[in-house]
Protein backbone atom coordinates (compact mmCIF):
# COMPACT_ATOMS: atom_id res chain seq x y z
CA MET A 1 15.70 -19.40 -76.27
CA LYS A 2 16.09 -16.68 -73.19
CA ASN A 3 12.60 -19.12 -72.03
CA LYS A 4 14.73 -21.39 -72.43
CA SER A 5 16.95 -20.23 -70.10
CA ILE A 6 15.08 -19.02 -67.76
CA VAL A 7 13.49 -22.23 -67.24
CA SER A 8 16.15 -23.75 -67.20
CA ARG A 9 17.53 -22.07 -64.13
CA ILE A 10 14.01 -22.66 -62.62
CA VAL A 11 14.42 -26.49 -62.95
CA SER A 12 17.52 -25.89 -61.41
CA ILE A 13 17.07 -24.38 -58.21
CA ALA A 14 13.57 -26.60 -57.86
CA LYS A 15 15.95 -29.62 -57.59
CA ILE A 16 18.39 -27.98 -55.25
CA PHE A 17 15.52 -27.32 -53.57
CA ILE A 18 14.56 -30.78 -53.76
CA ALA A 19 17.57 -32.31 -53.27
CA THR A 20 18.75 -30.53 -49.73
CA PHE A 21 14.56 -30.85 -48.33
CA PHE A 22 15.69 -35.06 -48.40
CA ALA A 23 18.28 -34.46 -47.51
CA LEU A 24 17.53 -32.32 -43.77
CA LEU A 25 14.29 -34.97 -43.73
CA VAL A 26 16.91 -38.05 -44.26
CA PHE A 27 19.10 -35.99 -41.18
CA ALA A 28 16.00 -35.35 -38.87
CA ILE A 29 14.59 -39.22 -39.22
CA LEU A 30 18.27 -40.58 -38.34
CA ALA A 31 18.38 -37.93 -35.68
CA PHE A 32 15.33 -38.82 -33.84
CA GLY A 33 15.75 -42.53 -34.02
CA PHE A 34 19.51 -41.82 -32.51
CA LEU A 35 17.52 -39.70 -29.52
CA SER A 36 15.07 -42.57 -29.69
CA ASN A 37 17.27 -44.64 -28.71
CA CYS A 38 19.08 -43.68 -26.47
CA ALA A 39 15.43 -43.78 -24.30
CA LEU A 40 15.80 -47.37 -24.95
CA LYS A 41 12.23 -48.68 -25.03
CA TYR A 42 11.37 -52.19 -25.21
CA GLU A 43 8.27 -54.05 -25.88
CA ASP A 44 8.01 -58.13 -24.82
CA VAL A 45 7.68 -59.82 -27.79
CA SER A 46 8.24 -63.30 -26.38
CA ASN A 47 4.89 -64.69 -26.93
CA LYS A 48 4.82 -63.41 -30.61
CA PRO A 49 4.63 -67.43 -32.50
CA GLU A 50 8.27 -66.85 -33.88
CA TYR A 51 9.22 -66.03 -30.38
CA ALA A 52 7.67 -68.20 -27.71
CA PRO A 53 9.52 -71.23 -28.61
CA LEU A 54 13.13 -69.97 -26.99
CA LEU A 55 11.70 -69.29 -24.28
CA ASN A 56 13.44 -71.28 -21.02
CA SER A 57 15.84 -72.22 -24.12
CA ARG A 58 20.17 -73.03 -23.22
CA TYR A 59 22.70 -72.27 -25.21
CA SER A 60 26.18 -72.56 -24.49
CA LEU A 61 28.80 -69.48 -26.24
CA GLN A 62 31.08 -71.30 -28.96
CA THR A 63 33.41 -68.44 -28.31
CA GLU A 64 34.66 -66.10 -25.94
CA MET A 65 32.19 -62.74 -25.42
CA TYR A 66 32.15 -59.77 -23.01
CA LEU A 67 29.68 -59.22 -20.32
CA TYR A 68 29.58 -55.57 -19.67
CA GLY A 69 27.88 -54.23 -16.95
CA VAL A 70 26.87 -50.52 -18.25
CA ASN A 71 24.83 -47.79 -17.09
CA LEU A 72 22.94 -45.62 -19.81
CA PRO A 73 22.35 -42.50 -20.51
CA PRO A 74 21.12 -39.40 -20.11
CA GLY A 75 23.72 -38.78 -17.62
CA TYR A 76 26.76 -41.69 -16.83
CA GLY A 77 26.93 -42.97 -13.05
CA LYS A 78 27.84 -45.45 -11.23
CA ASP A 79 24.97 -47.72 -10.93
CA ILE A 80 24.51 -50.85 -14.03
CA ASN A 81 21.64 -50.19 -15.72
CA VAL A 82 21.71 -53.53 -17.14
CA TYR A 83 24.54 -56.66 -18.53
CA ASP A 84 24.97 -56.72 -22.35
CA VAL A 85 26.85 -59.37 -23.44
CA TYR A 86 29.06 -58.55 -27.03
CA PRO A 87 31.47 -60.72 -29.03
CA THR A 88 33.62 -57.87 -29.22
CA ARG A 89 35.69 -55.29 -26.57
CA LEU A 90 33.26 -52.26 -25.96
CA SER A 91 34.77 -49.41 -24.43
CA GLY A 92 33.60 -45.50 -23.06
CA PRO A 93 31.91 -43.94 -19.69
CA GLU A 94 28.90 -45.86 -19.82
CA ILE A 95 31.28 -49.86 -19.51
CA ILE A 96 31.09 -49.73 -16.00
CA SER A 97 32.11 -53.09 -15.69
CA GLU A 98 33.59 -56.32 -17.96
CA LYS A 99 33.76 -60.48 -17.85
CA VAL A 100 35.12 -62.46 -19.87
CA LEU A 101 32.82 -65.47 -20.65
CA GLU A 102 34.41 -68.04 -21.64
CA PRO A 103 33.55 -70.95 -24.27
CA GLY A 104 30.41 -73.67 -22.62
CA THR A 105 28.67 -70.56 -20.36
CA VAL A 106 25.44 -71.49 -20.44
CA LEU A 107 22.83 -69.07 -21.18
CA GLU A 108 18.60 -69.36 -20.65
CA VAL A 109 16.39 -67.11 -22.20
CA GLN A 110 14.02 -65.62 -20.22
CA GLY A 111 12.40 -63.55 -22.34
CA VAL A 112 12.99 -61.32 -25.91
CA GLN A 113 12.28 -57.89 -26.55
CA ARG A 114 11.99 -55.81 -28.94
CA SER A 115 13.48 -52.29 -29.90
CA ILE A 116 10.57 -49.80 -29.73
CA TYR A 117 13.01 -47.07 -31.28
CA HIS A 118 15.89 -48.82 -34.14
CA ILE A 119 18.75 -47.48 -35.53
CA PRO A 120 19.99 -49.53 -38.85
CA GLY A 121 22.45 -51.69 -37.79
CA ASP A 122 21.99 -51.56 -34.36
CA PRO A 123 20.46 -55.37 -32.82
CA SER A 124 16.42 -54.39 -32.44
CA VAL A 125 15.22 -57.61 -31.37
CA GLU A 126 17.20 -58.57 -27.75
CA ALA A 127 16.91 -62.39 -25.76
CA LEU A 128 16.78 -61.92 -21.83
CA VAL A 129 19.01 -64.53 -20.90
CA LYS A 130 20.65 -66.15 -17.74
CA ILE A 131 24.17 -66.98 -17.30
CA ILE A 132 23.80 -69.98 -15.31
CA ALA A 133 26.07 -69.82 -12.48
CA PHE A 134 26.71 -66.43 -12.65
CA GLU A 135 24.85 -64.09 -9.76
CA PRO A 136 25.39 -60.73 -11.51
CA ALA A 137 25.92 -57.98 -8.73
CA THR A 138 22.46 -56.15 -8.94
CA ASN A 139 19.49 -57.31 -9.98
CA VAL A 140 18.84 -55.85 -13.88
CA PRO A 141 18.37 -57.49 -17.41
CA ILE A 142 21.01 -58.95 -19.21
CA THR A 143 21.16 -58.50 -22.93
CA ILE A 144 22.53 -60.26 -26.37
CA SER A 145 20.98 -59.44 -29.14
CA LEU A 146 18.98 -62.52 -31.04
CA GLU A 147 21.14 -62.10 -33.97
CA ASP A 148 23.76 -63.18 -32.25
CA LEU A 149 22.35 -65.80 -29.82
CA GLN A 150 21.31 -67.75 -32.99
CA SER A 151 24.80 -67.30 -34.84
CA THR A 152 26.13 -70.53 -34.57
CA ASN A 153 29.48 -69.02 -35.13
CA ILE A 154 28.27 -68.04 -31.30
CA ALA A 155 26.32 -70.15 -29.58
CA LYS A 156 24.37 -73.45 -29.94
CA MET A 157 21.49 -74.33 -28.89
CA ILE A 158 21.50 -77.58 -26.28
CA ASP A 159 18.64 -77.29 -24.50
CA ALA A 160 15.00 -76.49 -27.18
CA THR A 161 12.60 -76.85 -24.14
CA SER A 162 9.74 -74.88 -25.22
CA GLY A 163 7.87 -71.83 -23.10
CA GLU A 164 4.66 -73.06 -23.52
């Protein structure tokens, strides 16, 4: 009986140790992903077979979208580093400017990029677009998640000119 009690305690301690180890491992992976995402490293995947047909395609927005001029970390400043197109309103110290894009606004796909460090729930593939009849305040990329661009609720393809 005494041996079973000791073995049972050892097994309980081992289970706690293993659970703690895996919890710390998951935390470390998520923290690394978050910190890596702040670096915003992308690879150009425009020439991959699944994305090449999108090049030079035009999409018409079907709903109101927001164009945000964003200053990227590590330090928030006043310079716009990227424009992001989102379906929802955003706020925060990184937002430098905001413009409403009305339904009917045309986006032309100039390229496709994939995030090297991906956090679940964050878009990993983005289209680099040109907004027809819009001149940005600065020459920086304009992005929209590929998921949003290809959502029929958000945008409709109006010209499927192949980039090949």
